[in-house]
Amino acid sequence: MKQKIGEIIKFHRKQAGISQKELADLAGIGKTAVFNLEMGNSNFRIETLLNIMEILNIKINFTSPLMEVWRNQYEKINLKNS
């Protein structure tokens, strides 16, 4: 899974035409951290990963058999709080 995430990050970074150093600067991390992420060699704080994904305009889509149940409950809670 980490390797797939790294490959996705690398693909989007290259498509955006930015270097590892540029992405690292934008994300406030070191170039080595970007390299390690792209290679699937490192663990990251979720905030760092989400920041990189936002910079590269990558969205997360959660899927599971229970997501529809969760959405329905979430919508009911939000309607009550409106």
PDB file of N, CA and C in Angstrom:
ATOM      1  N   MET A   1       0.823  -1.200   0.000  1.00  0.00           N
ATOM      2  CA  MET A   1       0.000   0.000   0.000  1.00  0.00           C
ATOM      3  C   MET A   1       0.864   1.260   0.000  1.00  0.00           C
ATOM      4  N   LYS A   2       1.927   1.284   0.867  1.00  0.00           N
ATOM      5  CA  LYS A   2       2.791   2.470   0.908  1.00  0.00           C
ATOM      6  C   LYS A   2       3.447   2.705  -0.454  1.00  0.00           C
ATOM      7  N   GLN A   3       3.832   1.613  -1.136  1.00  0.00           N
ATOM      8  CA  GLN A   3       4.463   1.756  -2.450  1.00  0.00           C
ATOM      9  C   GLN A   3       3.489   2.364  -3.452  1.00  0.00           C
ATOM     10  N   LYS A   4       2.228   1.920  -3.418  1.00  0.00           N
ATOM     11  CA  LYS A   4       1.230   2.466  -4.339  1.00  0.00           C
ATOM     12  C   LYS A   4       1.015   3.953  -4.084  1.00  0.00           C
ATOM     13  N   ILE A   5       0.931   4.333  -2.818  1.00  0.00           N
ATOM     14  CA  ILE A   5       0.772   5.750  -2.488  1.00  0.00           C
ATOM     15  C   ILE A   5       1.966   6.536  -3.016  1.00  0.00           C
ATOM     16  N   GLY A   6       3.164   5.994  -2.801  1.00  0.00           N
ATOM     17  CA  GLY A   6       4.369   6.651  -3.296  1.00  0.00           C
ATOM     18  C   GLY A   6       4.368   6.815  -4.796  1.00  0.00           C
ATOM     19  N   GLU A   7       3.935   5.793  -5.502  1.00  0.00           N
ATOM     20  CA  GLU A   7       3.873   5.867  -6.966  1.00  0.00           C
ATOM     21  C   GLU A   7       2.861   6.913  -7.419  1.00  0.00           C
ATOM     22  N   ILE A   8       1.744   7.000  -6.720  1.00  0.00           N
ATOM     23  CA  ILE A   8       0.722   8.007  -7.055  1.00  0.00           C
ATOM     24  C   ILE A   8       1.274   9.412  -6.825  1.00  0.00           C
ATOM     25  N   ILE A   9       1.936   9.608  -5.683  1.00  0.00           N
ATOM     26  CA  ILE A   9       2.537  10.914  -5.380  1.00  0.00           C
ATOM     27  C   ILE A   9       3.562  11.283  -6.458  1.00  0.00           C
ATOM     28  N   LYS A  10       4.439  10.352  -6.783  1.00  0.00           N
ATOM     29  CA  LYS A  10       5.487  10.610  -7.783  1.00  0.00           C
ATOM     30  C   LYS A  10       4.875  10.946  -9.138  1.00  0.00           C
ATOM     31  N   PHE A  11       3.876  10.188  -9.564  1.00  0.00           N
ATOM     32  CA  PHE A  11       3.229  10.444 -10.849  1.00  0.00           C
ATOM     33  C   PHE A  11       2.647  11.854 -10.889  1.00  0.00           C
ATOM     34  N   HIS A  12       1.902  12.213  -9.855  1.00  0.00           N
ATOM     35  CA  HIS A  12       1.275  13.540  -9.819  1.00  0.00           C
ATOM     36  C   HIS A  12       2.317  14.652  -9.742  1.00  0.00           C
ATOM     37  N   ARG A  13       3.371  14.431  -8.982  1.00  0.00           N
ATOM     38  CA  ARG A  13       4.435  15.436  -8.882  1.00  0.00           C
ATOM     39  C   ARG A  13       5.054  15.674 -10.254  1.00  0.00           C
ATOM     40  N   LYS A  14       5.364  14.592 -10.956  1.00  0.00           N
ATOM     41  CA  LYS A  14       5.983  14.737 -12.284  1.00  0.00           C
ATOM     42  C   LYS A  14       5.025  15.387 -13.272  1.00  0.00           C
ATOM     43  N   GLN A  15       3.747  15.013 -13.206  1.00  0.00           N
ATOM     44  CA  GLN A  15       2.765  15.633 -14.095  1.00  0.00           C
ATOM     45  C   GLN A  15       2.625  17.127 -13.819  1.00  0.00           C
ATOM     46  N   ALA A  16       2.824  17.504 -12.561  1.00  0.00           N
ATOM     47  CA  ALA A  16       2.749  18.922 -12.184  1.00  0.00           C
ATOM     48  C   ALA A  16       4.019  19.668 -12.585  1.00  0.00           C
ATOM     49  N   GLY A  17       5.047  18.920 -12.972  1.00  0.00           N
ATOM     50  CA  GLY A  17       6.288  19.547 -13.416  1.00  0.00           C
ATOM     51  C   GLY A  17       7.114  20.133 -12.285  1.00  0.00           C
ATOM     52  N   ILE A  18       7.007  19.541 -11.102  1.00  0.00           N
ATOM     53  CA  ILE A  18       7.799  20.048  -9.978  1.00  0.00           C
ATOM     54  C   ILE A  18       8.773  18.978  -9.490  1.00  0.00           C
ATOM     55  N   SER A  19       9.872  19.426  -8.961  1.00  0.00           N
ATOM     56  CA  SER A  19      10.902  18.524  -8.462  1.00  0.00           C
ATOM     57  C   SER A  19      10.549  18.052  -7.050  1.00  0.00           C
ATOM     58  N   GLN A  20      11.284  17.050  -6.599  1.00  0.00           N
ATOM     59  CA  GLN A  20      11.118  16.604  -5.217  1.00  0.00           C
ATOM     60  C   GLN A  20      11.426  17.738  -4.259  1.00  0.00           C
ATOM     61  N   LYS A  21      12.449  18.524  -4.566  1.00  0.00           N
ATOM     62  CA  LYS A  21      12.833  19.655  -3.711  1.00  0.00           C
ATOM     63  C   LYS A  21      11.709  20.684  -3.657  1.00  0.00           C
ATOM     64  N   GLU A  22      11.119  20.996  -4.800  1.00  0.00           N
ATOM     65  CA  GLU A  22      10.026  21.969  -4.831  1.00  0.00           C
ATOM     66  C   GLU A  22       8.823  21.477  -4.029  1.00  0.00           C
ATOM     67  N   LEU A  23       8.478  20.188  -4.182  1.00  0.00           N
ATOM     68  CA  LEU A  23       7.363  19.637  -3.414  1.00  0.00           C
ATOM     69  C   LEU A  23       7.685  19.663  -1.925  1.00  0.00           C
ATOM     70  N   ALA A  24       8.916  19.312  -1.592  1.00  0.00           N
ATOM     71  CA  ALA A  24       9.332  19.337  -0.187  1.00  0.00           C
ATOM     72  C   ALA A  24       9.206  20.748   0.389  1.00  0.00           C
ATOM     73  N   ASP A  25       9.647  21.748  -0.363  1.00  0.00           N
ATOM     74  CA  ASP A  25       9.555  23.135   0.104  1.00  0.00           C
ATOM     75  C   ASP A  25       8.097  23.553   0.302  1.00  0.00           C
ATOM     76  N   LEU A  26       7.237  23.187  -0.650  1.00  0.00           N
ATOM     77  CA  LEU A  26       5.826  23.529  -0.538  1.00  0.00           C
ATOM     78  C   LEU A  26       5.169  22.851   0.661  1.00  0.00           C
ATOM     79  N   ALA A  27       5.614  21.626   0.960  1.00  0.00           N
ATOM     80  CA  ALA A  27       5.018  20.855   2.056  1.00  0.00           C
ATOM     81  C   ALA A  27       5.702  21.120   3.391  1.00  0.00           C
ATOM     82  N   GLY A  28       6.818  21.834   3.371  1.00  0.00           N
ATOM     83  CA  GLY A  28       7.535  22.133   4.609  1.00  0.00           C
ATOM     84  C   GLY A  28       8.258  20.926   5.185  1.00  0.00           C
ATOM     85  N   ILE A  29       8.737  20.053   4.295  1.00  0.00           N
ATOM     86  CA  ILE A  29       9.501  18.873   4.721  1.00  0.00           C
ATOM     87  C   ILE A  29      10.791  18.803   3.917  1.00  0.00           C
ATOM     88  N   GLY A  30      11.648  17.866   4.251  1.00  0.00           N
ATOM     89  CA  GLY A  30      12.907  17.712   3.532  1.00  0.00           C
ATOM     90  C   GLY A  30      12.747  16.936   2.234  1.00  0.00           C
ATOM     91  N   LYS A  31      13.679  17.178   1.294  1.00  0.00           N
ATOM     92  CA  LYS A  31      13.658  16.482   0.013  1.00  0.00           C
ATOM     93  C   LYS A  31      13.765  14.972   0.216  1.00  0.00           C
ATOM     94  N   THR A  32      14.574  14.553   1.184  1.00  0.00           N
ATOM     95  CA  THR A  32      14.730  13.126   1.460  1.00  0.00           C
ATOM     96  C   THR A  32      13.407  12.505   1.886  1.00  0.00           C
ATOM     97  N   ALA A  33      12.594  13.263   2.600  1.00  0.00           N
ATOM     98  CA  ALA A  33      11.287  12.759   3.023  1.00  0.00           C
ATOM     99  C   ALA A  33      10.394  12.489   1.814  1.00  0.00           C
ATOM    100  N   VAL A  34      10.429  13.379   0.827  1.00  0.00           N
ATOM    101  CA  VAL A  34       9.640  13.176  -0.391  1.00  0.00           C
ATOM    102  C   VAL A  34      10.155  11.939  -1.130  1.00  0.00           C
ATOM    103  N   PHE A  35      11.476  11.821  -1.249  1.00  0.00           N
ATOM    104  CA  PHE A  35      12.066  10.654  -1.900  1.00  0.00           C
ATOM    105  C   PHE A  35      11.614   9.368  -1.202  1.00  0.00           C
ATOM    106  N   ASN A  36      11.706   9.350   0.128  1.00  0.00           N
ATOM    107  CA  ASN A  36      11.314   8.157   0.882  1.00  0.00           C
ATOM    108  C   ASN A  36       9.834   7.834   0.703  1.00  0.00           C
ATOM    109  N   LEU A  37       9.000   8.866   0.696  1.00  0.00           N
ATOM    110  CA  LEU A  37       7.574   8.657   0.493  1.00  0.00           C
ATOM    111  C   LEU A  37       7.322   8.039  -0.881  1.00  0.00           C
ATOM    112  N   GLU A  38       7.947   8.601  -1.900  1.00  0.00           N
ATOM    113  CA  GLU A  38       7.749   8.097  -3.258  1.00  0.00           C
ATOM    114  C   GLU A  38       8.250   6.662  -3.422  1.00  0.00           C
ATOM    115  N   MET A  39       9.257   6.290  -2.668  1.00  0.00           N
ATOM    116  CA  MET A  39       9.811   4.939  -2.741  1.00  0.00           C
ATOM    117  C   MET A  39       9.074   3.961  -1.813  1.00  0.00           C
ATOM    118  N   GLY A  40       8.157   4.469  -1.002  1.00  0.00           N
ATOM    119  CA  GLY A  40       7.432   3.617  -0.064  1.00  0.00           C
ATOM    120  C   GLY A  40       8.286   3.185   1.108  1.00  0.00           C
ATOM    121  N   ASN A  41       9.360   3.958   1.403  1.00  0.00           N
ATOM    122  CA  ASN A  41      10.333   3.574   2.419  1.00  0.00           C
ATOM    123  C   ASN A  41      10.111   4.181   3.785  1.00  0.00           C
ATOM    124  N   SER A  42       9.091   4.981   3.966  1.00  0.00           N
ATOM    125  CA  SER A  42       9.012   5.718   5.211  1.00  0.00           C
ATOM    126  C   SER A  42       7.574   5.812   5.710  1.00  0.00           C
ATOM    127  N   ASN A  43       7.448   5.968   6.999  1.00  0.00           N
ATOM    128  CA  ASN A  43       6.146   6.257   7.602  1.00  0.00           C
ATOM    129  C   ASN A  43       6.004   7.763   7.722  1.00  0.00           C
ATOM    130  N   PHE A  44       4.787   8.251   7.532  1.00  0.00           N
ATOM    131  CA  PHE A  44       4.542   9.681   7.585  1.00  0.00           C
ATOM    132  C   PHE A  44       3.392   9.989   8.502  1.00  0.00           C
ATOM    133  N   ARG A  45       3.448  11.183   9.065  1.00  0.00           N
ATOM    134  CA  ARG A  45       2.284  11.677   9.785  1.00  0.00           C
ATOM    135  C   ARG A  45       1.180  11.899   8.764  1.00  0.00           C
ATOM    136  N   ILE A  46      -0.025  11.620   9.163  1.00  0.00           N
ATOM    137  CA  ILE A  46      -1.156  11.773   8.247  1.00  0.00           C
ATOM    138  C   ILE A  46      -1.284  13.222   7.778  1.00  0.00           C
ATOM    139  N   GLU A  47      -0.952  14.178   8.637  1.00  0.00           N
ATOM    140  CA  GLU A  47      -1.031  15.591   8.256  1.00  0.00           C
ATOM    141  C   GLU A  47      -0.077  15.901   7.106  1.00  0.00           C
ATOM    142  N   THR A  48       1.117  15.312   7.150  1.00  0.00           N
ATOM    143  CA  THR A  48       2.105  15.535   6.084  1.00  0.00           C
ATOM    144  C   THR A  48       1.597  14.939   4.783  1.00  0.00           C
ATOM    145  N   LEU A  49       1.098  13.716   4.845  1.00  0.00           N
ATOM    146  CA  LEU A  49       0.582  13.070   3.641  1.00  0.00           C
ATOM    147  C   LEU A  49      -0.599  13.850   3.066  1.00  0.00           C
ATOM    148  N   LEU A  50      -1.523  14.273   3.915  1.00  0.00           N
ATOM    149  CA  LEU A  50      -2.673  15.046   3.431  1.00  0.00           C
ATOM    150  C   LEU A  50      -2.241  16.375   2.833  1.00  0.00           C
ATOM    151  N   ASN A  51      -1.239  17.008   3.408  1.00  0.00           N
ATOM    152  CA  ASN A  51      -0.712  18.262   2.877  1.00  0.00           C
ATOM    153  C   ASN A  51      -0.135  18.056   1.477  1.00  0.00           C
ATOM    154  N   ILE A  52       0.666  17.013   1.309  1.00  0.00           N
ATOM    155  CA  ILE A  52       1.245  16.710  -0.007  1.00  0.00           C
ATOM    156  C   ILE A  52       0.142  16.415  -1.010  1.00  0.00           C
ATOM    157  N   MET A  53      -0.846  15.651  -0.582  1.00  0.00           N
ATOM    158  CA  MET A  53      -1.942  15.324  -1.487  1.00  0.00           C
ATOM    159  C   MET A  53      -2.731  16.571  -1.882  1.00  0.00           C
ATOM    160  N   GLU A  54      -2.917  17.477  -0.952  1.00  0.00           N
ATOM    161  CA  GLU A  54      -3.617  18.724  -1.281  1.00  0.00           C
ATOM    162  C   GLU A  54      -2.805  19.545  -2.278  1.00  0.00           C
ATOM    163  N   ILE A  55      -1.495  19.635  -2.065  1.00  0.00           N
ATOM    164  CA  ILE A  55      -0.627  20.372  -2.981  1.00  0.00           C
ATOM    165  C   ILE A  55      -0.734  19.815  -4.392  1.00  0.00           C
ATOM    166  N   LEU A  56      -0.798  18.491  -4.501  1.00  0.00           N
ATOM    167  CA  LEU A  56      -0.847  17.828  -5.809  1.00  0.00           C
ATOM    168  C   LEU A  56      -2.271  17.592  -6.309  1.00  0.00           C
ATOM    169  N   ASN A  57      -3.264  18.091  -5.561  1.00  0.00           N
ATOM    170  CA  ASN A  57      -4.677  17.965  -5.928  1.00  0.00           C
ATOM    171  C   ASN A  57      -5.107  16.495  -6.047  1.00  0.00           C
ATOM    172  N   ILE A  58      -4.688  15.684  -5.093  1.00  0.00           N
ATOM    173  CA  ILE A  58      -5.074  14.268  -5.028  1.00  0.00           C
ATOM    174  C   ILE A  58      -6.164  14.141  -3.975  1.00  0.00           C
ATOM    175  N   LYS A  59      -7.253  13.494  -4.341  1.00  0.00           N
ATOM    176  CA  LYS A  59      -8.380  13.293  -3.436  1.00  0.00           C
ATOM    177  C   LYS A  59      -8.408  11.845  -2.942  1.00  0.00           C
ATOM    178  N   ILE A  60      -8.952  11.648  -1.761  1.00  0.00           N
ATOM    179  CA  ILE A  60      -9.128  10.315  -1.194  1.00  0.00           C
ATOM    180  C   ILE A  60     -10.599   9.940  -1.301  1.00  0.00           C
ATOM    181  N   ASN A  61     -10.846   8.711  -1.714  1.00  0.00           N
ATOM    182  CA  ASN A  61     -12.213   8.201  -1.795  1.00  0.00           C
ATOM    183  C   ASN A  61     -12.290   6.954  -0.924  1.00  0.00           C
ATOM    184  N   PHE A  62     -12.961   7.064   0.215  1.00  0.00           N
ATOM    185  CA  PHE A  62     -13.108   5.928   1.121  1.00  0.00           C
ATOM    186  C   PHE A  62     -14.218   5.021   0.612  1.00  0.00           C
ATOM    187  N   THR A  63     -13.915   3.737   0.552  1.00  0.00           N
ATOM    188  CA  THR A  63     -14.926   2.772   0.151  1.00  0.00           C
ATOM    189  C   THR A  63     -14.943   1.602   1.135  1.00  0.00           C
ATOM    190  N   SER A  64     -16.130   1.141   1.422  1.00  0.00           N
ATOM    191  CA  SER A  64     -16.322  -0.054   2.241  1.00  0.00           C
ATOM    192  C   SER A  64     -17.796  -0.408   2.164  1.00  0.00           C
ATOM    193  N   PRO A  65     -18.136  -1.628   2.534  1.00  0.00           N
ATOM    194  CA  PRO A  65     -19.557  -1.993   2.527  1.00  0.00           C
ATOM    195  C   PRO A  65     -20.400  -1.147   3.478  1.00  0.00           C
ATOM    196  N   LEU A  66     -19.775  -0.516   4.456  1.00  0.00           N
ATOM    197  CA  LEU A  66     -20.525   0.261   5.447  1.00  0.00           C
ATOM    198  C   LEU A  66     -20.584   1.762   5.150  1.00  0.00           C
ATOM    199  N   MET A  67     -19.961   2.216   4.087  1.00  0.00           N
ATOM    200  CA  MET A  67     -19.920   3.655   3.823  1.00  0.00           C
ATOM    201  C   MET A  67     -21.303   4.253   3.614  1.00  0.00           C
ATOM    202  N   GLU A  68     -22.198   3.542   2.963  1.00  0.00           N
ATOM    203  CA  GLU A  68     -23.550   4.072   2.749  1.00  0.00           C
ATOM    204  C   GLU A  68     -24.278   4.230   4.078  1.00  0.00           C
ATOM    205  N   VAL A  69     -24.108   3.278   4.978  1.00  0.00           N
ATOM    206  CA  VAL A  69     -24.703   3.367   6.317  1.00  0.00           C
ATOM    207  C   VAL A  69     -24.131   4.578   7.047  1.00  0.00           C
ATOM    208  N   TRP A  70     -22.820   4.748   6.974  1.00  0.00           N
ATOM    209  CA  TRP A  70     -22.170   5.896   7.628  1.00  0.00           C
ATOM    210  C   TRP A  70     -22.692   7.214   7.053  1.00  0.00           C
ATOM    211  N   ARG A  71     -22.788   7.298   5.732  1.00  0.00           N
ATOM    212  CA  ARG A  71     -23.277   8.532   5.094  1.00  0.00           C
ATOM    213  C   ARG A  71     -24.679   8.880   5.581  1.00  0.00           C
ATOM    214  N   ASN A  72     -25.538   7.866   5.652  1.00  0.00           N
ATOM    215  CA  ASN A  72     -26.912   8.111   6.114  1.00  0.00           C
ATOM    216  C   ASN A  72     -26.932   8.621   7.549  1.00  0.00           C
ATOM    217  N   GLN A  73     -26.142   8.016   8.424  1.00  0.00           N
ATOM    218  CA  GLN A  73     -26.074   8.462   9.814  1.00  0.00           C
ATOM    219  C   GLN A  73     -25.475   9.855   9.904  1.00  0.00           C
ATOM    220  N   TYR A  74     -24.435  10.121   9.127  1.00  0.00           N
ATOM    221  CA  TYR A  74     -23.779  11.420   9.125  1.00  0.00           C
ATOM    222  C   TYR A  74     -24.748  12.511   8.673  1.00  0.00           C
ATOM    223  N   GLU A  75     -25.515  12.220   7.625  1.00  0.00           N
ATOM    224  CA  GLU A  75     -26.485  13.191   7.128  1.00  0.00           C
ATOM    225  C   GLU A  75     -27.567  13.479   8.164  1.00  0.00           C
ATOM    226  N   LYS A  76     -28.032  12.451   8.867  1.00  0.00           N
ATOM    227  CA  LYS A  76     -29.050  12.654   9.912  1.00  0.00           C
ATOM    228  C   LYS A  76     -28.514  13.527  11.028  1.00  0.00           C
ATOM    229  N   ILE A  77     -27.278  13.299  11.424  1.00  0.00           N
ATOM    230  CA  ILE A  77     -26.656  14.107  12.495  1.00  0.00           C
ATOM    231  C   ILE A  77     -26.532  15.555  12.032  1.00  0.00           C
ATOM    232  N   ASN A  78     -26.109  15.760  10.790  1.00  0.00           N
ATOM    233  CA  ASN A  78     -25.948  17.139  10.284  1.00  0.00           C
ATOM    234  C   ASN A  78     -27.286  17.849  10.151  1.00  0.00           C
ATOM    235  N   LEU A  79     -28.331  17.116   9.778  1.00  0.00           N
ATOM    236  CA  LEU A  79     -29.655  17.742   9.677  1.00  0.00           C
ATOM    237  C   LEU A  79     -30.148  18.176  11.053  1.00  0.00           C
ATOM    238  N   LYS A  80     -29.893  17.372  12.083  1.00  0.00           N
ATOM    239  CA  LYS A  80     -30.306  17.722  13.441  1.00  0.00           C
ATOM    240  C   LYS A  80     -29.570  18.955  13.947  1.00  0.00           C
ATOM    241  N   ASN A  81     -28.306  19.094  13.559  1.00  0.00           N
ATOM    242  CA  ASN A  81     -27.482  20.198  14.031  1.00  0.00           C
ATOM    243  C   ASN A  81     -27.661  21.483  13.204  1.00  0.00           C
ATOM    244  N   SER A  82     -28.447  21.417  12.134  1.00  0.00           N
ATOM    245  CA  SER A  82     -28.632  22.606  11.284  1.00  0.00           C
ATOM    246  C   SER A  82     -29.648  23.565  11.843  1.00  0.00           C
TER     247      SER A  82
END
